[in-house]
């Protein structure tokens, strides 16, 4: 009975979100033109969210190079990427959290999720806030080299994903965070928050790769990275709404809707398909995007 009630509530929430989205769409001036020009971003949102929520990497790995090809300003690229991720990472985080509560809560490989999530969230948000509000001039200067930074980061991320692939077939995982792990996770999350403020990607990828390399469960690492990324992007978006005012809302309207769908289905993809194949595919894609983003190819 409780499962049935939760199912009904879940469908009502989705229906309510759909109604709100339709209202927002049809109160726009020249709705048909907006649909014809921006509807393709719906599929970009789905793609980015599936990538983000099946690997722990932020959707910005998909959005940044695509927006770069549209010759958007660097601030608009970062701001719009954050806004879309607020939709997709939230949907993915809720999906992974429900999975944890329903399936993994007594799994010893997942027992450190609350502690690790609290620790990394505090330091990641600290990195975001520090960069956006106290080092804003420095951050804006870095955004002038967004494409170089994104290219280098993507190549390093792809190499780290490739390096983690031999560990994916493990059946016995580390399930205890040592003092060393706690210190390293705090440092990785802080650095990741700073990088994320600059590139709109970083913290989820770095934390997931660290945990996988340290021998923790792959799905645990992905779930933690996705939920952490959701908290991180929500801490970042007020700056871009009220200060930079650089969010491209027409793109967000469609890509955000697609990201919600991608975030909802991503966990199912992880649980049903080969993680090794997913990692190889996404690492190769990230490597290509990173190399293409370097000045040599631009």
Protein backbone atom coordinates (compact mmCIF):
# COMPACT_ATOMS: atom_id res chain seq x y z
CA UNK A 1 0.00 0.00 0.00
CA UNK A 2 2.80 2.41 0.91
CA UNK A 3 4.57 1.61 -2.36
CA UNK A 4 1.37 2.37 -4.28
CA UNK A 5 0.94 5.70 -2.46
CA UNK A 6 4.54 6.67 -3.20
CA UNK A 7 4.02 5.75 -6.88
CA UNK A 8 0.92 7.93 -7.10
CA UNK A 9 2.68 10.86 -5.42
CA UNK A 10 5.68 10.44 -7.69
CA UNK A 11 3.52 10.56 -10.82
CA UNK A 12 1.63 13.59 -9.49
CA UNK A 13 4.91 15.43 -8.94
CA UNK A 14 6.04 14.65 -12.48
CA UNK A 15 2.66 15.78 -13.84
CA UNK A 16 2.87 19.00 -11.83
CA UNK A 17 6.37 19.69 -13.16
CA UNK A 18 5.13 19.11 -16.72
CA UNK A 19 2.25 21.55 -16.19
CA UNK A 20 4.58 24.21 -14.77
CA UNK A 21 6.95 23.74 -17.71
CA UNK A 22 4.11 24.11 -20.23
CA UNK A 23 2.82 27.24 -18.49
CA UNK A 24 6.29 28.80 -18.54
CA UNK A 25 6.69 27.88 -22.21
CA UNK A 26 3.37 29.29 -23.38
CA UNK A 27 3.63 32.58 -21.50
CA UNK A 28 6.70 33.38 -23.57
CA UNK A 29 6.34 35.84 -26.40
CA UNK A 30 6.41 34.16 -29.81
CA UNK A 31 6.22 30.64 -28.38
CA UNK A 32 6.32 28.88 -31.74
CA UNK A 33 9.56 30.62 -32.71
CA UNK A 34 11.15 29.69 -29.38
CA UNK A 35 10.13 26.05 -29.84
CA UNK A 36 11.53 25.91 -33.37
CA UNK A 37 14.84 27.53 -32.37
CA UNK A 38 15.51 25.88 -29.03
CA UNK A 39 13.73 22.51 -28.98
CA UNK A 40 16.92 20.68 -30.02
CA UNK A 41 18.43 21.64 -26.65
CA UNK A 42 15.94 19.22 -25.08
CA UNK A 43 17.98 16.32 -26.46
CA UNK A 44 21.24 17.99 -25.41
CA UNK A 45 19.89 18.09 -21.85
CA UNK A 46 19.01 14.40 -21.93
CA UNK A 47 22.46 13.48 -23.24
CA UNK A 48 24.31 15.62 -20.73
CA UNK A 49 22.29 14.37 -17.76
CA UNK A 50 22.69 10.71 -18.73
CA UNK A 51 26.43 11.23 -19.03
CA UNK A 52 26.58 13.07 -15.70
CA UNK A 53 24.48 10.64 -13.71
CA UNK A 54 26.01 7.44 -15.08
CA UNK A 55 29.63 8.47 -14.51
CA UNK A 56 29.53 10.96 -11.66
CA UNK A 57 30.93 13.59 -14.03
CA UNK A 58 29.07 16.86 -14.34
CA UNK A 59 26.91 17.55 -17.36
CA UNK A 60 29.14 20.50 -18.14
CA UNK A 61 31.48 18.03 -19.85
CA UNK A 62 28.78 17.87 -22.53
CA UNK A 63 27.39 21.41 -22.36
CA UNK A 64 30.59 23.49 -22.36
CA UNK A 65 32.05 22.29 -25.69
CA UNK A 66 28.61 22.44 -27.33
CA UNK A 67 27.95 25.99 -26.16
CA UNK A 68 31.45 26.94 -27.22
CA UNK A 69 30.55 25.97 -30.79
CA UNK A 70 27.62 28.40 -30.57
CA UNK A 71 30.08 31.23 -29.78
CA UNK A 72 28.38 32.04 -26.49
CA UNK A 73 30.29 34.20 -24.02
CA UNK A 74 32.31 32.33 -21.42
CA UNK A 75 30.13 33.64 -18.58
CA UNK A 76 26.96 32.51 -20.37
CA UNK A 77 28.49 29.09 -21.02
CA UNK A 78 29.32 28.56 -17.35
CA UNK A 79 26.10 30.09 -16.01
CA UNK A 80 23.80 28.18 -18.37
CA UNK A 81 25.68 24.94 -17.75
CA UNK A 82 25.17 25.39 -14.00
CA UNK A 83 21.46 26.11 -14.47
CA UNK A 84 20.88 23.01 -16.59
CA UNK A 85 22.81 20.87 -14.12
CA UNK A 86 20.56 22.12 -11.30
CA UNK A 87 17.76 20.30 -13.12
CA UNK A 88 19.58 17.14 -14.21
CA UNK A 89 21.80 16.59 -11.18
CA UNK A 90 18.85 17.12 -8.82
CA UNK A 91 16.78 14.51 -10.65
CA UNK A 92 19.73 12.14 -10.65
CA UNK A 93 20.54 12.81 -6.99
CA UNK A 94 16.97 12.06 -5.91
CA UNK A 95 16.98 8.88 -7.98
CA UNK A 96 20.27 7.66 -6.51
CA UNK A 97 19.18 8.60 -2.97
CA UNK A 98 15.95 6.61 -3.34
CA UNK A 99 18.04 3.69 -4.58
CA UNK A 100 20.29 4.00 -1.52
CA UNK A 101 17.32 4.08 0.89
CA UNK A 102 15.49 1.22 -0.82
CA UNK A 103 18.34 -1.13 -1.76
CA UNK A 104 21.75 -0.19 -0.39
CA UNK A 105 21.14 1.23 3.07
CA UNK A 106 22.33 -1.99 4.75
CA UNK A 107 25.02 -2.69 2.16
CA UNK A 108 28.42 -2.34 3.91
CA UNK A 109 29.93 -1.00 0.68
CA UNK A 110 27.60 2.02 0.96
CA UNK A 111 27.74 2.62 4.72
CA UNK A 112 30.04 5.65 4.38
CA UNK A 113 27.71 7.54 2.02
CA UNK A 114 26.21 9.98 4.59
CA UNK A 115 29.58 10.78 6.18
CA UNK A 116 31.43 11.16 2.89
CA UNK A 117 28.61 13.23 1.39
CA UNK A 118 28.54 15.64 4.33
CA UNK A 119 32.30 16.10 4.29
CA UNK A 120 32.66 16.62 0.55
CA UNK A 121 29.62 18.90 0.32
CA UNK A 122 30.96 21.26 2.98
CA UNK A 123 34.33 21.60 1.27
CA UNK A 124 32.95 21.73 -2.26
CA UNK A 125 30.48 24.51 -1.42
CA UNK A 126 33.30 26.33 0.41
CA UNK A 127 35.37 26.18 -2.77
CA UNK A 128 32.48 27.49 -4.87
CA UNK A 129 31.62 30.36 -2.52
CA UNK A 130 35.26 31.31 -1.98
CA UNK A 131 35.89 31.51 -5.72
CA UNK A 132 32.67 33.24 -6.75
CA UNK A 133 32.42 35.90 -4.03
CA UNK A 134 35.92 36.45 -2.62
CA UNK A 135 38.00 35.66 -5.70
CA UNK A 136 35.51 36.76 -8.33
CA UNK A 137 38.05 38.87 -10.25
CA UNK A 138 40.44 35.95 -10.38
CA UNK A 139 37.63 33.60 -11.44
CA UNK A 140 36.57 35.94 -14.25
CA UNK A 141 40.16 36.10 -15.41
CA UNK A 142 40.30 32.32 -15.50
CA UNK A 143 37.08 32.19 -17.50
CA UNK A 144 38.89 34.06 -20.28
CA UNK A 145 40.91 30.85 -20.65
CA UNK A 146 37.86 28.63 -20.22
CA UNK A 147 38.44 26.62 -23.38
CA UNK A 148 42.08 25.85 -22.58
CA UNK A 149 41.19 24.94 -19.00
CA UNK A 150 38.30 22.78 -20.11
CA UNK A 151 40.45 21.02 -22.72
CA UNK A 152 43.23 20.23 -20.25
CA UNK A 153 40.77 19.15 -17.55
CA UNK A 154 38.88 16.89 -19.98
CA UNK A 155 42.06 15.15 -21.14
CA UNK A 156 43.19 14.55 -17.55
CA UNK A 157 39.71 13.32 -16.62
CA UNK A 158 39.64 10.90 -19.56
CA UNK A 159 43.04 9.52 -18.56
CA UNK A 160 41.85 9.08 -14.98
CA UNK A 161 38.72 7.23 -16.18
CA UNK A 162 40.86 4.95 -18.35
CA UNK A 163 43.12 4.29 -15.34
CA UNK A 164 40.12 3.28 -13.24
CA UNK A 165 38.77 0.77 -15.77
CA UNK A 166 40.93 -2.18 -14.56
CA UNK A 167 39.35 -1.70 -11.13
CA UNK A 168 35.77 -2.03 -12.37
CA UNK A 169 35.72 -5.84 -12.26
CA UNK A 170 36.47 -5.96 -8.54
CA UNK A 171 33.94 -7.83 -6.40
CA UNK A 172 35.41 -6.98 -3.00
CA UNK A 173 35.50 -3.27 -2.20
CA UNK A 174 36.96 -0.99 0.38
CA UNK A 175 34.17 0.21 2.66
CA UNK A 176 36.00 2.22 5.31
CA UNK A 177 37.22 5.79 5.06
CA UNK A 178 40.56 6.10 6.82
CA UNK A 179 41.86 9.37 8.26
CA UNK A 180 43.95 9.68 5.10
CA UNK A 181 40.81 9.29 2.96
CA UNK A 182 38.95 11.92 4.96
CA UNK A 183 41.77 14.43 4.55
CA UNK A 184 42.16 13.67 0.85
CA UNK A 185 38.40 13.83 0.18
CA UNK A 186 38.25 17.22 1.89
CA UNK A 187 41.14 18.52 -0.22
CA UNK A 188 39.78 16.99 -3.43
CA UNK A 189 36.32 18.44 -2.78
CA UNK A 190 37.74 21.89 -2.00
CA UNK A 191 39.87 21.88 -5.15
CA UNK A 192 36.94 20.46 -7.09
CA UNK A 193 34.66 23.26 -5.91
CA UNK A 194 37.19 25.86 -7.07
CA UNK A 195 37.57 24.17 -10.46
CA UNK A 196 33.78 23.82 -10.77
CA UNK A 197 33.27 27.55 -10.19
CA UNK A 198 35.61 28.12 -13.15
CA UNK A 199 34.53 25.38 -15.57
CA UNK A 200 31.08 24.29 -14.24
CA UNK A 201 32.55 20.77 -13.96
CA UNK A 202 35.10 19.27 -11.63
CA UNK A 203 34.10 18.19 -8.16
CA UNK A 204 31.96 15.16 -9.02
CA UNK A 205 34.54 13.84 -11.44
CA UNK A 206 37.46 14.24 -9.06
CA UNK A 207 35.69 12.69 -6.07
CA UNK A 208 34.38 9.74 -8.10
CA UNK A 209 37.80 9.00 -9.61
CA UNK A 210 39.48 9.24 -6.20
CA UNK A 211 37.03 6.80 -4.61
CA UNK A 212 37.30 4.32 -7.50
CA UNK A 213 41.09 4.44 -7.43
CA UNK A 214 40.97 3.84 -3.67
CA UNK A 215 38.97 0.65 -4.22
CA UNK A 216 35.45 1.72 -3.24
CA UNK A 217 32.33 0.40 -4.97
CA UNK A 218 31.79 1.91 -8.43
CA UNK A 219 28.08 2.54 -7.93
CA UNK A 220 28.75 4.02 -4.48
CA UNK A 221 31.31 6.40 -5.99
CA UNK A 222 28.94 7.44 -8.79
CA UNK A 223 26.01 7.95 -6.41
CA UNK A 224 28.10 10.07 -4.06
CA UNK A 225 29.49 12.14 -6.93
CA UNK A 226 26.02 12.77 -8.39
CA UNK A 227 24.46 13.85 -5.08
CA UNK A 228 27.51 15.98 -4.25
CA UNK A 229 27.34 17.64 -7.67
CA UNK A 230 23.67 18.49 -7.10
CA UNK A 231 24.45 20.32 -3.85
CA UNK A 232 27.42 22.03 -5.51
CA UNK A 233 25.61 23.40 -8.55
CA UNK A 234 22.73 24.68 -6.40
CA UNK A 235 25.24 26.57 -4.26
CA UNK A 236 26.72 28.07 -7.43
CA UNK A 237 23.59 29.15 -9.30
CA UNK A 238 22.51 32.15 -7.13
CA UNK A 239 25.67 33.99 -8.20
CA UNK A 240 24.78 33.55 -11.86
CA UNK A 241 21.12 34.48 -11.38
CA UNK A 242 21.59 37.64 -9.32
CA UNK A 243 25.16 38.84 -9.99
CA UNK A 244 26.49 37.68 -13.35
CA UNK A 245 22.95 37.47 -14.82
CA UNK A 246 24.41 35.33 -17.59
CA UNK A 247 21.97 32.40 -17.68
CA UNK A 248 20.52 31.84 -21.16
CA UNK A 249 16.93 31.08 -20.12
CA UNK A 250 15.58 29.97 -23.50
CA UNK A 251 18.22 27.24 -23.63
CA UNK A 252 17.55 26.36 -19.99
CA UNK A 253 13.83 25.95 -20.66
CA UNK A 254 14.40 23.02 -23.01
CA UNK A 255 17.77 21.64 -21.92
CA UNK A 256 16.67 21.71 -18.28
CA UNK A 257 13.56 19.67 -19.09
CA UNK A 258 15.66 17.15 -20.99
CA UNK A 259 18.16 17.03 -18.12
CA UNK A 260 15.43 16.06 -15.68
CA UNK A 261 14.47 13.11 -17.89
CA UNK A 262 18.10 12.10 -18.34
CA UNK A 263 18.68 12.27 -14.60
CA UNK A 264 15.69 10.03 -13.90
CA UNK A 265 16.74 7.27 -16.32
CA UNK A 266 20.50 7.34 -15.76
CA UNK A 267 20.53 5.07 -12.70
CA UNK A 268 18.66 2.39 -14.66
CA UNK A 269 21.32 2.57 -17.38
CA UNK A 270 24.10 2.11 -14.83
CA UNK A 271 22.38 -0.89 -13.25
CA UNK A 272 21.55 -2.62 -16.57
CA UNK A 273 24.52 -1.98 -18.83
CA UNK A 274 28.20 -2.81 -18.63
CA UNK A 275 29.98 -0.17 -16.54
CA UNK A 276 33.22 -0.96 -18.36
CA UNK A 277 31.70 -0.18 -21.77
CA UNK A 278 30.06 2.98 -20.45
CA UNK A 279 33.36 4.16 -18.97
CA UNK A 280 35.30 3.46 -22.18
CA UNK A 281 32.71 5.23 -24.31
CA UNK A 282 32.46 8.31 -22.11
CA UNK A 283 36.23 8.53 -21.48
CA UNK A 284 36.87 8.43 -25.24
CA UNK A 285 34.22 11.07 -25.87
CA UNK A 286 35.65 13.34 -23.14
CA UNK A 287 39.17 12.87 -24.53
CA UNK A 288 38.05 13.87 -28.04
CA UNK A 289 36.18 16.93 -26.72
CA UNK A 290 39.17 17.93 -24.62
CA UNK A 291 41.64 17.69 -27.49
CA UNK A 292 39.24 19.52 -29.82
CA UNK A 293 38.91 22.32 -27.26
CA UNK A 294 42.61 23.13 -27.23
CA UNK A 295 43.75 26.22 -29.23
CA UNK A 296 45.62 23.99 -31.69
CA UNK A 297 42.25 22.74 -32.99
CA UNK A 298 40.12 25.85 -32.52
